[in-house]
Amino acid sequence: MAGLADLGGVRLRQGDVDGALVTWRGFLDCADGIRSVKVQAALQDMRVRLRRYSGVPAAQELRERAARFAARS
């Protein structure tokens, strides 16, 4: 599952912002209800990376969703 988060990071580094967002959305869907150190670390990493894209509505929505997810865990 954390592999999906890692794949999102890879796609972002390759310049595929849309692909990263889709992958991270899938990660959040799969990780819902899972409490683990790896998931928390992946959430934090994703949120940090998404800060650069605050002007992109889909990225901002995903960042906010990740923040809500982290707060529940």
C-alpha atoms as a PDB file:
ATOM      1  CA  MET A   1       0.000   0.000   0.000  1.00  0.00           C
ATOM      2  CA  ALA A   2       2.791   2.440   0.828  1.00  0.00           C
ATOM      3  CA  GLY A   3       4.109   1.393  -2.570  1.00  0.00           C
ATOM      4  CA  LEU A   4       1.281   3.382  -4.148  1.00  0.00           C
ATOM      5  CA  ALA A   5       2.443   6.450  -2.258  1.00  0.00           C
ATOM      6  CA  ASP A   6       5.994   5.827  -3.461  1.00  0.00           C
ATOM      7  CA  LEU A   7       4.760   5.425  -7.037  1.00  0.00           C
ATOM      8  CA  GLY A   8       3.029   8.797  -6.749  1.00  0.00           C
ATOM      9  CA  GLY A   9       6.355  10.336  -5.761  1.00  0.00           C
ATOM     10  CA  VAL A  10       8.084   8.698  -8.729  1.00  0.00           C
ATOM     11  CA  ARG A  11       5.465  10.018 -11.119  1.00  0.00           C
ATOM     12  CA  LEU A  12       5.812  13.493  -9.657  1.00  0.00           C
ATOM     13  CA  ARG A  13       9.609  13.404 -10.080  1.00  0.00           C
ATOM     14  CA  GLN A  14       9.064  12.377 -13.706  1.00  0.00           C
ATOM     15  CA  GLY A  15       6.896  15.455 -14.212  1.00  0.00           C
ATOM     16  CA  ASP A  16       3.609  13.552 -14.378  1.00  0.00           C
ATOM     17  CA  VAL A  17       1.621  15.640 -11.893  1.00  0.00           C
ATOM     18  CA  ASP A  18      -1.745  14.245 -13.006  1.00  0.00           C
ATOM     19  CA  GLY A  19      -0.460  10.679 -12.708  1.00  0.00           C
ATOM     20  CA  ALA A  20       0.892  11.403  -9.242  1.00  0.00           C
ATOM     21  CA  LEU A  21      -2.436  12.831  -8.117  1.00  0.00           C
ATOM     22  CA  VAL A  22      -4.346   9.814  -9.449  1.00  0.00           C
ATOM     23  CA  THR A  23      -1.915   7.421  -7.760  1.00  0.00           C
ATOM     24  CA  TRP A  24      -2.038   9.265  -4.448  1.00  0.00           C
ATOM     25  CA  ARG A  25      -5.834   9.337  -4.602  1.00  0.00           C
ATOM     26  CA  GLY A  26      -5.720   5.545  -4.968  1.00  0.00           C
ATOM     27  CA  PHE A  27      -3.318   5.320  -2.037  1.00  0.00           C
ATOM     28  CA  LEU A  28      -5.731   7.257   0.180  1.00  0.00           C
ATOM     29  CA  ASP A  29      -8.624   5.050  -0.942  1.00  0.00           C
ATOM     30  CA  CYS A  30      -6.680   1.897  -0.064  1.00  0.00           C
ATOM     31  CA  ALA A  31      -5.192   3.189   3.188  1.00  0.00           C
ATOM     32  CA  ASP A  32      -8.494   4.317   4.689  1.00  0.00           C
ATOM     33  CA  GLY A  33      -8.766   2.809   8.148  1.00  0.00           C
ATOM     34  CA  ILE A  34      -5.183   1.486   8.196  1.00  0.00           C
ATOM     35  CA  ARG A  35      -3.029   2.673  11.065  1.00  0.00           C
ATOM     36  CA  SER A  36       0.661   2.179  10.529  1.00  0.00           C
ATOM     37  CA  VAL A  37       3.901   4.090  10.765  1.00  0.00           C
ATOM     38  CA  LYS A  38       4.552   3.576   7.039  1.00  0.00           C
ATOM     39  CA  VAL A  39       1.165   4.978   6.062  1.00  0.00           C
ATOM     40  CA  GLN A  40       1.673   8.000   8.320  1.00  0.00           C
ATOM     41  CA  ALA A  41       5.128   8.621   6.844  1.00  0.00           C
ATOM     42  CA  ALA A  42       3.753   8.318   3.315  1.00  0.00           C
ATOM     43  CA  LEU A  43       0.955  10.766   4.138  1.00  0.00           C
ATOM     44  CA  GLN A  44       3.420  13.303   5.492  1.00  0.00           C
ATOM     45  CA  ASP A  45       5.701  12.940   2.473  1.00  0.00           C
ATOM     46  CA  MET A  46       2.787  13.342   0.092  1.00  0.00           C
ATOM     47  CA  ARG A  47       1.539  16.470   1.860  1.00  0.00           C
ATOM     48  CA  VAL A  48       5.003  18.055   1.766  1.00  0.00           C
ATOM     49  CA  ARG A  49       5.387  17.331  -1.953  1.00  0.00           C
ATOM     50  CA  LEU A  50       1.943  18.719  -2.723  1.00  0.00           C
ATOM     51  CA  ARG A  51       2.729  22.089  -1.114  1.00  0.00           C
ATOM     52  CA  ARG A  52       4.484  23.099  -4.340  1.00  0.00           C
ATOM     53  CA  TYR A  53       1.204  22.687  -6.205  1.00  0.00           C
ATOM     54  CA  SER A  54      -1.047  24.814  -3.987  1.00  0.00           C
ATOM     55  CA  GLY A  55      -2.329  26.606  -7.106  1.00  0.00           C
ATOM     56  CA  VAL A  56      -3.615  23.330  -8.546  1.00  0.00           C
ATOM     57  CA  PRO A  57      -7.117  22.692  -7.157  1.00  0.00           C
ATOM     58  CA  ALA A  58      -6.861  18.887  -7.434  1.00  0.00           C
ATOM     59  CA  ALA A  59      -3.552  18.915  -5.555  1.00  0.00           C
ATOM     60  CA  GLN A  60      -4.943  21.167  -2.834  1.00  0.00           C
ATOM     61  CA  GLU A  61      -8.002  18.932  -2.437  1.00  0.00           C
ATOM     62  CA  LEU A  62      -5.777  15.880  -2.152  1.00  0.00           C
ATOM     63  CA  ARG A  63      -3.544  17.585   0.396  1.00  0.00           C
ATOM     64  CA  GLU A  64      -6.566  18.513   2.507  1.00  0.00           C
ATOM     65  CA  ARG A  65      -7.911  14.975   2.251  1.00  0.00           C
ATOM     66  CA  ALA A  66      -4.539  13.612   3.363  1.00  0.00           C
ATOM     67  CA  ALA A  67      -4.541  16.012   6.330  1.00  0.00           C
ATOM     68  CA  ARG A  68      -8.006  14.829   7.395  1.00  0.00           C
ATOM     69  CA  PHE A  69      -6.896  11.236   6.957  1.00  0.00           C
ATOM     70  CA  ALA A  70      -3.795  11.810   9.114  1.00  0.00           C
ATOM     71  CA  ALA A  71      -5.874  13.479  11.820  1.00  0.00           C
ATOM     72  CA  ARG A  72      -8.127  10.412  12.099  1.00  0.00           C
ATOM     73  CA  SER A  73      -5.260   7.930  12.341  1.00  0.00           C
END
